[in-house]
Amino acid sequence: MNKKILGVDFGDARTGLAMSDITGFLASACGCIKGGFEKTAQGVARFAIENNIGKIVLGHPINMNGTLGPRSEKARAFAERLKELTDIEVELFDERLSTANAHTILNITNTRGAKRKNIIDAMSASLILQSYLDREKGKLNG
């Protein structure tokens, strides 16, 4: 694929965004969108179109025991809305532990307060996307 991939960590208050390089090797956090469901969907769609995104990878909040709950249903609805707005393929990707891992990284780097709040969602999106990219590289190499 010669287009960038967009990683999305969808949340009620803030939604983190990350984007791959054109080779699909590295994910980088690239910001956050604040707002409700529709405002966020439109913002993500606009970002995807403006950045020539070829695929959207949306974090899928699966419970630790593997079951699907209300957050999963919201993510599925959000994925459908993005497809309607962009006509770009949207893939749900298991995001278990991405936010916990982002918190761990921020603890290690001693990132606190408002700065932490502003980057946690984008960092989570970056971790989701990097996990996806690594999995895809494994398929090519394995």
Protein backbone atom coordinates (compact mmCIF):
# COMPACT_ATOMS: atom_id res chain seq x y z
CA MET A 1 0.00 0.00 0.00
CA ASN A 2 1.40 3.40 -0.95
CA LYS A 3 -0.88 5.42 1.25
CA LYS A 4 -0.63 6.27 4.91
CA ILE A 5 -2.68 4.47 7.54
CA LEU A 6 -4.55 6.39 10.22
CA GLY A 7 -4.78 4.98 13.75
CA VAL A 8 -7.71 6.11 15.88
CA ASP A 9 -8.29 5.71 19.62
CA PHE A 10 -11.97 6.68 19.87
CA GLY A 11 -13.17 8.10 23.17
CA ASP A 12 -16.21 9.92 24.50
CA ALA A 13 -14.38 13.17 25.30
CA ARG A 14 -11.17 12.93 23.25
CA THR A 15 -10.11 10.82 20.28
CA GLY A 16 -6.44 10.27 19.61
CA LEU A 17 -4.97 10.14 16.12
CA ALA A 18 -1.75 8.63 14.80
CA MET A 19 -0.49 8.24 11.27
CA SER A 20 1.93 5.84 9.62
CA ASP A 21 4.69 6.83 7.29
CA ILE A 22 4.04 5.96 3.66
CA THR A 23 5.99 2.69 3.98
CA GLY A 24 3.74 1.45 6.80
CA PHE A 25 6.76 1.00 9.07
CA LEU A 26 6.35 3.61 11.80
CA ALA A 27 3.37 5.15 13.60
CA SER A 28 3.52 8.69 14.95
CA ALA A 29 1.04 10.42 17.23
CA CYS A 30 -0.49 13.40 15.45
CA GLY A 31 -3.08 14.91 17.74
CA CYS A 32 -6.45 14.66 19.29
CA ILE A 33 -10.01 15.62 18.41
CA LYS A 34 -12.40 16.73 21.14
CA GLY A 35 -16.16 16.49 20.90
CA GLY A 36 -19.11 14.15 20.72
CA PHE A 37 -19.72 11.26 18.35
CA GLU A 38 -20.72 13.16 15.19
CA LYS A 39 -18.28 16.06 15.58
CA THR A 40 -15.45 13.59 16.14
CA ALA A 41 -16.48 11.40 13.19
CA GLN A 42 -16.50 14.44 10.91
CA GLY A 43 -13.14 15.60 12.26
CA VAL A 44 -11.51 12.19 11.76
CA ALA A 45 -13.03 11.93 8.27
CA ARG A 46 -11.75 15.38 7.32
CA PHE A 47 -8.27 14.54 8.65
CA ALA A 48 -8.23 11.25 6.72
CA ILE A 49 -9.25 12.87 3.45
CA GLU A 50 -6.85 15.82 3.82
CA ASN A 51 -3.93 13.46 4.54
CA ASN A 52 -4.65 11.00 1.72
CA ILE A 53 -5.23 8.10 4.10
CA GLY A 54 -5.62 4.68 2.50
CA LYS A 55 -6.93 2.84 5.56
CA ILE A 56 -8.22 3.65 9.03
CA VAL A 57 -7.34 1.36 11.94
CA LEU A 58 -9.77 1.96 14.78
CA GLY A 59 -9.07 0.69 18.27
CA HIS A 60 -11.61 -1.95 19.25
CA PRO A 61 -12.17 -2.02 23.01
CA ILE A 62 -12.54 -5.71 23.75
CA ASN A 63 -12.89 -6.72 27.40
CA MET A 64 -9.89 -8.48 28.94
CA ASN A 65 -11.86 -11.76 28.97
CA GLY A 66 -12.50 -11.45 25.23
CA THR A 67 -16.15 -10.41 25.43
CA LEU A 68 -17.68 -7.41 23.68
CA GLY A 69 -19.38 -4.70 25.71
CA PRO A 70 -20.99 -1.29 25.19
CA ARG A 71 -17.66 0.35 24.25
CA SER A 72 -17.26 -2.22 21.48
CA GLU A 73 -20.68 -1.34 20.09
CA LYS A 74 -19.79 2.37 20.10
CA ALA A 75 -16.56 1.63 18.24
CA ARG A 76 -18.44 -0.43 15.66
CA ALA A 77 -20.94 2.39 15.13
CA PHE A 78 -18.07 4.87 14.83
CA ALA A 79 -16.38 2.66 12.22
CA GLU A 80 -19.59 2.54 10.19
CA ARG A 81 -19.94 6.31 10.36
CA LEU A 82 -16.35 6.80 9.18
CA LYS A 83 -17.00 4.48 6.23
CA GLU A 84 -20.07 6.54 5.30
CA LEU A 85 -18.17 9.83 5.53
CA THR A 86 -14.97 8.78 3.76
CA ASP A 87 -15.44 5.63 1.69
CA ILE A 88 -12.08 4.55 3.21
CA GLU A 89 -11.65 1.01 4.54
CA VAL A 90 -11.94 0.92 8.35
CA GLU A 91 -10.52 -2.03 10.28
CA LEU A 92 -11.26 -2.63 13.95
CA PHE A 93 -8.13 -3.66 15.84
CA ASP A 94 -7.95 -5.07 19.37
CA GLU A 95 -6.76 -2.24 21.59
CA ARG A 96 -6.51 -4.09 24.90
CA LEU A 97 -3.85 -2.53 27.09
CA SER A 98 -3.01 0.34 24.69
CA THR A 99 -4.09 3.03 27.16
CA ALA A 100 -2.42 1.21 30.06
CA ASN A 101 0.80 0.99 28.01
CA ALA A 102 0.56 4.70 27.16
CA HIS A 103 0.23 5.51 30.87
CA THR A 104 3.29 3.35 31.61
CA ILE A 105 5.36 5.22 29.02
CA LEU A 106 4.25 8.57 30.40
CA ASN A 107 5.12 7.42 33.94
CA ILE A 108 8.59 6.38 32.81
CA THR A 109 9.13 9.74 31.11
CA ASN A 110 7.67 11.56 34.14
CA THR A 111 5.05 13.33 32.01
CA ARG A 112 2.46 14.85 34.35
CA GLY A 113 -0.49 17.21 34.57
CA ALA A 114 -2.05 18.98 31.60
CA LYS A 115 0.71 17.84 29.27
CA ARG A 116 -0.11 14.22 30.06
CA LYS A 117 -3.84 14.73 29.50
CA ASN A 118 -3.15 16.32 26.12
CA ILE A 119 -1.01 13.49 24.75
CA ILE A 120 -2.40 10.28 26.29
CA ASP A 121 -5.04 9.71 23.60
CA ALA A 122 -2.70 10.39 20.67
CA MET A 123 -0.09 8.13 22.26
CA SER A 124 -2.71 5.38 22.66
CA ALA A 125 -3.62 5.78 18.97
CA SER A 126 0.06 5.51 18.10
CA LEU A 127 0.44 2.29 20.11
CA ILE A 128 -2.67 0.80 18.47
CA LEU A 129 -1.40 1.68 15.00
CA GLN A 130 2.15 0.48 15.69
CA SER A 131 0.80 -2.87 16.94
CA TYR A 132 -1.25 -3.15 13.76
CA LEU A 133 1.75 -2.26 11.55
CA ASP A 134 3.96 -4.77 13.38
CA ARG A 135 1.35 -7.49 12.92
CA GLU A 136 1.11 -6.74 9.21
CA LYS A 137 4.92 -6.82 8.85
CA GLY A 138 4.88 -10.21 10.59
CA LYS A 139 2.43 -11.54 8.00
CA LEU A 140 4.79 -10.45 5.23
CA ASN A 141 7.86 -11.94 6.92
CA GLY A 142 6.25 -15.10 8.22
